[in-house]
């Protein structure tokens, strides 16, 4: 199942403002019926973890090559570009 689109920072901020002034989750849901009740609860709960209204980055796939590996590959191509183009190792 695909992840749904994130709420915009403005909508998240508005939801949290309404909750801060005493609005309940159901009342906020009546104001924004296109946002599910569980999303509203989750947004308010996670607000303390956000920095300036921006979501934390997702971890993503780990990198296969480190920066040092990339530097070694670039150095090898600069030292002997002909051998690297042919696919033969320079060692």
N, C-alpha and C. Protein backbone atom coordinates (compact mmCIF):
# COMPACT_ATOMS: atom_id res chain seq x y z
N UNK A 1 0.84 -1.17 0.00
CA UNK A 1 0.00 0.00 0.00
C UNK A 1 0.89 1.24 0.00
N UNK A 2 0.59 2.17 -0.86
CA UNK A 2 1.42 3.36 -1.01
C UNK A 2 1.15 4.37 0.11
N UNK A 3 2.20 5.11 0.41
CA UNK A 3 2.10 6.14 1.43
C UNK A 3 1.30 7.32 0.85
N UNK A 4 0.40 7.87 1.62
CA UNK A 4 -0.37 9.02 1.14
C UNK A 4 0.50 10.28 1.22
N UNK A 5 0.06 11.31 0.56
CA UNK A 5 0.81 12.56 0.54
C UNK A 5 0.87 13.17 1.94
N UNK A 6 1.97 13.83 2.23
CA UNK A 6 2.12 14.49 3.53
C UNK A 6 1.26 15.74 3.59
N UNK A 7 0.92 16.10 4.80
CA UNK A 7 0.24 17.38 5.00
C UNK A 7 1.25 18.50 4.78
N UNK A 8 0.78 19.61 4.29
CA UNK A 8 1.68 20.75 4.12
C UNK A 8 2.03 21.31 5.49
N UNK A 9 3.18 21.97 5.62
CA UNK A 9 3.53 22.56 6.91
C UNK A 9 2.48 23.54 7.41
N UNK A 10 1.83 24.26 6.50
CA UNK A 10 0.81 25.23 6.91
C UNK A 10 -0.39 24.53 7.55
N UNK A 11 -0.84 23.44 6.94
CA UNK A 11 -1.98 22.70 7.50
C UNK A 11 -1.60 22.08 8.85
N UNK A 12 -0.38 21.50 8.92
CA UNK A 12 0.07 20.92 10.19
C UNK A 12 0.10 21.97 11.29
N UNK A 13 0.62 23.14 10.94
CA UNK A 13 0.70 24.23 11.92
C UNK A 13 -0.70 24.65 12.37
N UNK A 14 -1.62 24.75 11.43
CA UNK A 14 -2.99 25.16 11.77
C UNK A 14 -3.66 24.14 12.69
N UNK A 15 -3.46 22.84 12.39
CA UNK A 15 -4.05 21.79 13.22
C UNK A 15 -3.51 21.90 14.65
N UNK A 16 -2.21 22.11 14.78
CA UNK A 16 -1.59 22.20 16.10
C UNK A 16 -2.00 23.47 16.84
N UNK A 17 -2.18 24.56 16.10
CA UNK A 17 -2.66 25.79 16.72
C UNK A 17 -4.07 25.60 17.29
N UNK A 18 -4.94 24.97 16.49
CA UNK A 18 -6.31 24.74 16.95
C UNK A 18 -6.32 23.84 18.18
N UNK A 19 -5.46 22.84 18.19
CA UNK A 19 -5.39 21.95 19.35
C UNK A 19 -4.86 22.71 20.57
N UNK A 20 -3.90 23.60 20.35
CA UNK A 20 -3.31 24.36 21.46
C UNK A 20 -4.32 25.31 22.10
N UNK A 21 -5.27 25.82 21.32
CA UNK A 21 -6.26 26.74 21.90
C UNK A 21 -7.46 25.99 22.48
N UNK A 22 -7.37 24.66 22.49
CA UNK A 22 -8.40 23.90 23.18
C UNK A 22 -9.37 23.13 22.30
N UNK A 23 -9.19 23.17 21.00
CA UNK A 23 -10.06 22.40 20.13
C UNK A 23 -9.72 20.92 20.26
N UNK A 24 -10.73 20.09 20.26
CA UNK A 24 -10.52 18.64 20.31
C UNK A 24 -10.28 18.08 18.92
N UNK A 25 -9.88 16.82 18.87
CA UNK A 25 -9.59 16.19 17.59
C UNK A 25 -10.83 16.13 16.69
N UNK A 26 -11.98 15.81 17.27
CA UNK A 26 -13.20 15.70 16.48
C UNK A 26 -13.63 17.06 15.93
N UNK A 27 -13.45 18.10 16.72
CA UNK A 27 -13.81 19.45 16.25
C UNK A 27 -12.89 19.89 15.11
N UNK A 28 -11.62 19.56 15.22
CA UNK A 28 -10.68 19.88 14.14
C UNK A 28 -11.05 19.08 12.90
N UNK A 29 -11.45 17.81 13.10
CA UNK A 29 -11.85 16.97 11.97
C UNK A 29 -13.08 17.53 11.26
N UNK A 30 -14.01 18.11 12.03
CA UNK A 30 -15.18 18.74 11.41
C UNK A 30 -14.77 19.94 10.57
N UNK A 31 -13.74 20.64 11.02
CA UNK A 31 -13.24 21.81 10.27
C UNK A 31 -12.51 21.37 9.00
N UNK A 32 -11.77 20.26 9.09
CA UNK A 32 -11.02 19.71 7.96
C UNK A 32 -11.46 18.27 7.71
N UNK A 33 -12.64 18.06 7.11
CA UNK A 33 -13.16 16.69 6.94
C UNK A 33 -12.35 15.83 5.97
N UNK A 34 -11.52 16.44 5.13
CA UNK A 34 -10.73 15.65 4.19
C UNK A 34 -9.49 15.03 4.85
N UNK A 35 -9.20 15.42 6.10
CA UNK A 35 -8.08 14.86 6.86
C UNK A 35 -8.67 13.90 7.89
N UNK A 36 -8.17 12.67 7.88
CA UNK A 36 -8.73 11.67 8.79
C UNK A 36 -8.44 12.02 10.25
N UNK A 37 -9.28 11.51 11.12
CA UNK A 37 -9.15 11.76 12.55
C UNK A 37 -7.82 11.21 13.08
N UNK A 38 -7.42 10.04 12.59
CA UNK A 38 -6.16 9.46 13.05
C UNK A 38 -4.97 10.30 12.60
N UNK A 39 -5.05 10.90 11.43
CA UNK A 39 -3.97 11.78 10.94
C UNK A 39 -3.87 13.02 11.82
N UNK A 40 -4.99 13.55 12.22
CA UNK A 40 -5.00 14.73 13.09
C UNK A 40 -4.36 14.39 14.44
N UNK A 41 -4.74 13.26 15.02
CA UNK A 41 -4.13 12.83 16.29
C UNK A 41 -2.62 12.65 16.15
N UNK A 42 -2.22 11.97 15.09
CA UNK A 42 -0.80 11.70 14.85
C UNK A 42 -0.02 13.00 14.65
N UNK A 43 -0.61 13.95 13.93
CA UNK A 43 0.04 15.24 13.68
C UNK A 43 0.29 15.99 14.97
N UNK A 44 -0.70 16.02 15.83
CA UNK A 44 -0.55 16.72 17.12
C UNK A 44 0.48 16.00 17.98
N UNK A 45 0.45 14.68 17.99
CA UNK A 45 1.38 13.90 18.80
C UNK A 45 2.83 14.11 18.36
N UNK A 46 3.07 14.18 17.06
CA UNK A 46 4.42 14.26 16.52
C UNK A 46 4.95 15.70 16.41
N UNK A 47 4.14 16.68 16.74
CA UNK A 47 4.55 18.08 16.58
C UNK A 47 5.81 18.40 17.40
N UNK A 48 5.95 17.81 18.55
CA UNK A 48 7.12 18.10 19.40
C UNK A 48 8.42 17.60 18.77
N UNK A 49 8.34 16.62 17.89
CA UNK A 49 9.54 16.07 17.25
C UNK A 49 9.99 16.87 16.03
N UNK A 50 9.11 17.71 15.52
CA UNK A 50 9.45 18.47 14.32
C UNK A 50 10.27 19.70 14.68
N UNK A 51 11.11 20.11 13.74
CA UNK A 51 11.91 21.32 13.93
C UNK A 51 11.38 22.39 12.98
N UNK A 52 10.83 23.43 13.53
CA UNK A 52 10.27 24.55 12.76
C UNK A 52 9.23 24.07 11.75
N UNK A 53 8.42 23.09 12.13
CA UNK A 53 7.34 22.62 11.28
C UNK A 53 7.75 21.71 10.15
N UNK A 54 9.01 21.32 10.06
CA UNK A 54 9.49 20.48 8.97
C UNK A 54 9.64 19.05 9.47
N UNK A 55 9.17 18.11 8.68
CA UNK A 55 9.26 16.70 9.06
C UNK A 55 10.70 16.24 9.12
N UNK A 56 10.95 15.25 9.96
CA UNK A 56 12.28 14.66 10.02
C UNK A 56 12.52 13.89 8.73
N UNK A 57 13.74 13.91 8.22
CA UNK A 57 14.00 13.18 6.98
C UNK A 57 13.87 11.67 7.20
N UNK A 58 13.42 11.00 6.17
CA UNK A 58 13.33 9.54 6.24
C UNK A 58 14.70 8.95 6.02
N UNK A 59 14.93 7.80 6.56
CA UNK A 59 16.26 7.21 6.53
C UNK A 59 16.72 6.87 5.11
N UNK A 60 15.87 6.31 4.31
CA UNK A 60 16.24 5.98 2.94
C UNK A 60 17.16 4.77 2.86
N UNK A 61 17.54 4.46 1.65
CA UNK A 61 18.39 3.31 1.41
C UNK A 61 19.83 3.63 1.79
N UNK A 62 20.54 2.70 2.42
CA UNK A 62 21.94 2.96 2.78
C UNK A 62 22.81 3.06 1.54
N UNK A 63 23.85 3.85 1.61
CA UNK A 63 24.76 4.04 0.49
C UNK A 63 25.66 2.82 0.34
N UNK A 64 25.90 2.39 -0.90
CA UNK A 64 26.79 1.27 -1.14
C UNK A 64 28.24 1.71 -1.10
N UNK A 65 28.51 2.89 -1.61
CA UNK A 65 29.88 3.39 -1.64
C UNK A 65 30.02 4.58 -0.70
N UNK A 66 31.14 4.61 -0.02
CA UNK A 66 31.41 5.74 0.86
C UNK A 66 32.02 6.86 0.02
N UNK A 67 32.16 8.02 0.63
CA UNK A 67 32.80 9.14 -0.07
C UNK A 67 34.25 8.80 -0.42
N UNK A 68 34.92 8.05 0.46
CA UNK A 68 36.31 7.64 0.18
C UNK A 68 36.37 6.73 -1.04
N UNK A 69 35.40 5.82 -1.19
CA UNK A 69 35.35 4.96 -2.37
C UNK A 69 35.18 5.78 -3.63
N UNK A 70 34.28 6.76 -3.58
CA UNK A 70 34.04 7.62 -4.74
C UNK A 70 35.30 8.40 -5.11
N UNK A 71 36.01 8.90 -4.10
CA UNK A 71 37.25 9.63 -4.35
C UNK A 71 38.29 8.74 -5.01
N UNK A 72 38.42 7.48 -4.55
CA UNK A 72 39.38 6.55 -5.14
C UNK A 72 39.05 6.27 -6.60
N UNK A 73 37.78 6.12 -6.91
CA UNK A 73 37.37 5.86 -8.30
C UNK A 73 37.71 7.06 -9.17
N UNK A 74 37.40 8.26 -8.69
CA UNK A 74 37.71 9.47 -9.46
C UNK A 74 39.22 9.63 -9.66
N UNK A 75 40.00 9.36 -8.62
CA UNK A 75 41.45 9.45 -8.74
C UNK A 75 41.98 8.46 -9.77
N UNK A 76 41.45 7.25 -9.76
CA UNK A 76 41.88 6.24 -10.72
C UNK A 76 41.56 6.66 -12.14
N UNK A 77 40.40 7.26 -12.37
CA UNK A 77 40.05 7.69 -13.72
C UNK A 77 40.90 8.86 -14.17
N UNK A 78 41.30 9.72 -13.25
CA UNK A 78 42.14 10.85 -13.62
C UNK A 78 43.57 10.42 -13.91
N UNK A 79 44.07 9.39 -13.20
CA UNK A 79 45.43 8.91 -13.41
C UNK A 79 45.59 8.23 -14.75
N UNK A 80 44.64 7.38 -15.12
CA UNK A 80 44.77 6.62 -16.36
C UNK A 80 43.40 6.47 -17.02
N UNK A 81 42.90 7.52 -17.66
CA UNK A 81 41.54 7.48 -18.21
C UNK A 81 41.37 6.45 -19.32
N UNK A 82 42.44 6.15 -20.09
CA UNK A 82 42.33 5.21 -21.20
C UNK A 82 42.00 3.80 -20.68
N UNK A 83 42.73 3.35 -19.66
CA UNK A 83 42.46 2.02 -19.11
C UNK A 83 41.09 1.94 -18.46
N UNK A 84 40.66 3.00 -17.83
CA UNK A 84 39.34 2.98 -17.19
C UNK A 84 38.23 2.93 -18.24
N UNK A 85 38.43 3.56 -19.39
CA UNK A 85 37.42 3.54 -20.45
C UNK A 85 37.31 2.16 -21.06
N UNK A 86 38.42 1.44 -21.12
CA UNK A 86 38.40 0.09 -21.70
C UNK A 86 37.90 -0.95 -20.70
N UNK A 87 37.86 -0.59 -19.45
CA UNK A 87 37.37 -1.50 -18.44
C UNK A 87 38.44 -2.37 -17.82
N UNK A 88 39.71 -2.11 -18.13
CA UNK A 88 40.78 -2.90 -17.53
C UNK A 88 41.28 -2.19 -16.29
N UNK A 89 41.57 -2.94 -15.24
CA UNK A 89 42.08 -2.30 -14.03
C UNK A 89 43.48 -1.75 -14.22
N UNK A 90 43.79 -0.67 -13.54
CA UNK A 90 45.09 -0.02 -13.71
C UNK A 90 46.14 -0.56 -12.76
N UNK A 91 45.80 -1.47 -11.85
CA UNK A 91 46.79 -1.97 -10.91
C UNK A 91 47.63 -3.02 -11.49
